[in-house]
Amino acid sequence: MLPGGQLNEAASALSAWKPIEAVANTEAPTKVERTFFIIHSVYVLSR
């Protein structure tokens, strides 16, 4: 299980991504955007 701080950080990273994703979905979400999000998530979770 993740420590609370990391879990909150991950949740805020995800909620910060949602508006970006909404904009991306009006255009076509690119592989680069998805890849960036995955890498960012892993980075936040592994800190």
N, C-alpha and C. Protein backbone atom coordinates (compact mmCIF):
# COMPACT_ATOMS: atom_id res chain seq x y z
N MET A 1 0.84 -1.21 0.00
CA MET A 1 0.00 0.00 0.00
C MET A 1 0.88 1.27 0.00
N LEU A 2 0.41 2.28 -0.67
CA LEU A 2 1.19 3.51 -0.76
C LEU A 2 1.04 4.37 0.48
N PRO A 3 2.12 5.06 0.87
CA PRO A 3 1.97 6.05 1.95
C PRO A 3 0.98 7.14 1.54
N GLY A 4 0.27 7.68 2.49
CA GLY A 4 -0.77 8.67 2.22
C GLY A 4 -0.30 9.84 1.37
N GLY A 5 0.88 10.35 1.66
CA GLY A 5 1.42 11.49 0.91
C GLY A 5 1.57 11.18 -0.56
N GLN A 6 2.12 10.01 -0.85
CA GLN A 6 2.32 9.61 -2.25
C GLN A 6 0.98 9.39 -2.94
N LEU A 7 0.04 8.81 -2.21
CA LEU A 7 -1.28 8.55 -2.78
C LEU A 7 -1.96 9.86 -3.14
N ASN A 8 -1.87 10.83 -2.24
CA ASN A 8 -2.46 12.16 -2.50
C ASN A 8 -1.78 12.84 -3.68
N GLU A 9 -0.46 12.69 -3.76
CA GLU A 9 0.29 13.29 -4.86
C GLU A 9 -0.14 12.67 -6.18
N ALA A 10 -0.30 11.36 -6.19
CA ALA A 10 -0.74 10.66 -7.39
C ALA A 10 -2.14 11.12 -7.79
N ALA A 11 -3.01 11.26 -6.80
CA ALA A 11 -4.38 11.70 -7.06
C ALA A 11 -4.39 13.12 -7.62
N SER A 12 -3.55 14.00 -7.08
CA SER A 12 -3.52 15.37 -7.58
C SER A 12 -2.90 15.42 -8.98
N ALA A 13 -1.93 14.54 -9.23
CA ALA A 13 -1.36 14.46 -10.58
C ALA A 13 -2.42 14.00 -11.58
N LEU A 14 -3.23 13.03 -11.15
CA LEU A 14 -4.30 12.54 -12.03
C LEU A 14 -5.36 13.61 -12.26
N SER A 15 -5.74 14.33 -11.22
CA SER A 15 -6.76 15.37 -11.39
C SER A 15 -6.20 16.55 -12.19
N ALA A 16 -4.90 16.80 -12.07
CA ALA A 16 -4.27 17.84 -12.88
C ALA A 16 -4.25 17.44 -14.35
N TRP A 17 -4.17 16.14 -14.59
CA TRP A 17 -4.12 15.65 -15.97
C TRP A 17 -5.49 15.73 -16.64
N LYS A 18 -6.57 15.59 -15.87
CA LYS A 18 -7.92 15.51 -16.47
C LYS A 18 -8.25 16.66 -17.43
N PRO A 19 -8.02 17.93 -17.06
CA PRO A 19 -8.30 19.02 -18.02
C PRO A 19 -7.43 18.91 -19.28
N ILE A 20 -6.19 18.48 -19.11
CA ILE A 20 -5.29 18.31 -20.26
C ILE A 20 -5.86 17.22 -21.16
N GLU A 21 -6.31 16.15 -20.53
CA GLU A 21 -6.86 15.02 -21.27
C GLU A 21 -8.14 15.44 -22.00
N ALA A 22 -8.95 16.25 -21.35
CA ALA A 22 -10.18 16.73 -21.98
C ALA A 22 -9.86 17.53 -23.24
N VAL A 23 -8.85 18.38 -23.15
CA VAL A 23 -8.41 19.15 -24.32
C VAL A 23 -7.86 18.20 -25.39
N ALA A 24 -7.08 17.24 -24.94
CA ALA A 24 -6.46 16.28 -25.87
C ALA A 24 -7.53 15.46 -26.59
N ASN A 25 -8.62 15.15 -25.89
CA ASN A 25 -9.67 14.33 -26.49
C ASN A 25 -10.50 15.07 -27.53
N THR A 26 -10.53 16.41 -27.46
CA THR A 26 -11.24 17.17 -28.49
C THR A 26 -10.45 17.11 -29.79
N GLU A 27 -9.12 17.08 -29.66
CA GLU A 27 -8.27 16.75 -30.80
C GLU A 27 -8.09 15.24 -30.69
N ALA A 28 -7.08 14.67 -31.28
CA ALA A 28 -6.84 13.25 -31.07
C ALA A 28 -5.74 13.10 -30.02
N PRO A 29 -6.00 12.32 -28.97
CA PRO A 29 -4.92 12.11 -28.00
C PRO A 29 -3.76 11.38 -28.69
N THR A 30 -2.59 11.94 -28.59
CA THR A 30 -1.45 11.36 -29.30
C THR A 30 -0.73 10.36 -28.41
N LYS A 31 0.08 9.54 -29.02
CA LYS A 31 0.90 8.59 -28.28
C LYS A 31 1.84 9.34 -27.34
N VAL A 32 2.34 10.48 -27.80
CA VAL A 32 3.26 11.26 -26.98
C VAL A 32 2.58 11.70 -25.69
N GLU A 33 1.35 12.20 -25.79
CA GLU A 33 0.62 12.64 -24.59
C GLU A 33 0.38 11.48 -23.63
N ARG A 34 -0.04 10.35 -24.17
CA ARG A 34 -0.28 9.18 -23.32
C ARG A 34 1.01 8.70 -22.67
N THR A 35 2.08 8.67 -23.46
CA THR A 35 3.37 8.23 -22.95
C THR A 35 3.86 9.17 -21.86
N PHE A 36 3.72 10.48 -22.10
CA PHE A 36 4.13 11.47 -21.10
C PHE A 36 3.37 11.24 -19.80
N PHE A 37 2.06 11.00 -19.90
CA PHE A 37 1.24 10.81 -18.72
C PHE A 37 1.68 9.57 -17.94
N ILE A 38 1.96 8.49 -18.65
CA ILE A 38 2.40 7.26 -17.99
C ILE A 38 3.73 7.48 -17.29
N ILE A 39 4.67 8.11 -17.99
CA ILE A 39 5.99 8.37 -17.40
C ILE A 39 5.86 9.29 -16.19
N HIS A 40 5.02 10.33 -16.32
CA HIS A 40 4.80 11.27 -15.22
C HIS A 40 4.21 10.54 -14.00
N SER A 41 3.23 9.68 -14.25
CA SER A 41 2.60 8.93 -13.16
C SER A 41 3.60 8.04 -12.45
N VAL A 42 4.41 7.33 -13.22
CA VAL A 42 5.42 6.45 -12.64
C VAL A 42 6.42 7.28 -11.83
N TYR A 43 6.82 8.42 -12.37
CA TYR A 43 7.77 9.29 -11.66
C TYR A 43 7.18 9.76 -10.33
N VAL A 44 5.95 10.21 -10.34
CA VAL A 44 5.30 10.70 -9.11
C VAL A 44 5.18 9.56 -8.10
N LEU A 45 4.77 8.40 -8.56
CA LEU A 45 4.57 7.27 -7.65
C LEU A 45 5.89 6.74 -7.09
N SER A 46 6.97 6.87 -7.85
CA SER A 46 8.23 6.27 -7.42
C SER A 46 9.12 7.22 -6.62
N ARG A 47 8.69 8.46 -6.43
CA ARG A 47 9.52 9.42 -5.69
C ARG A 47 9.61 9.05 -4.23
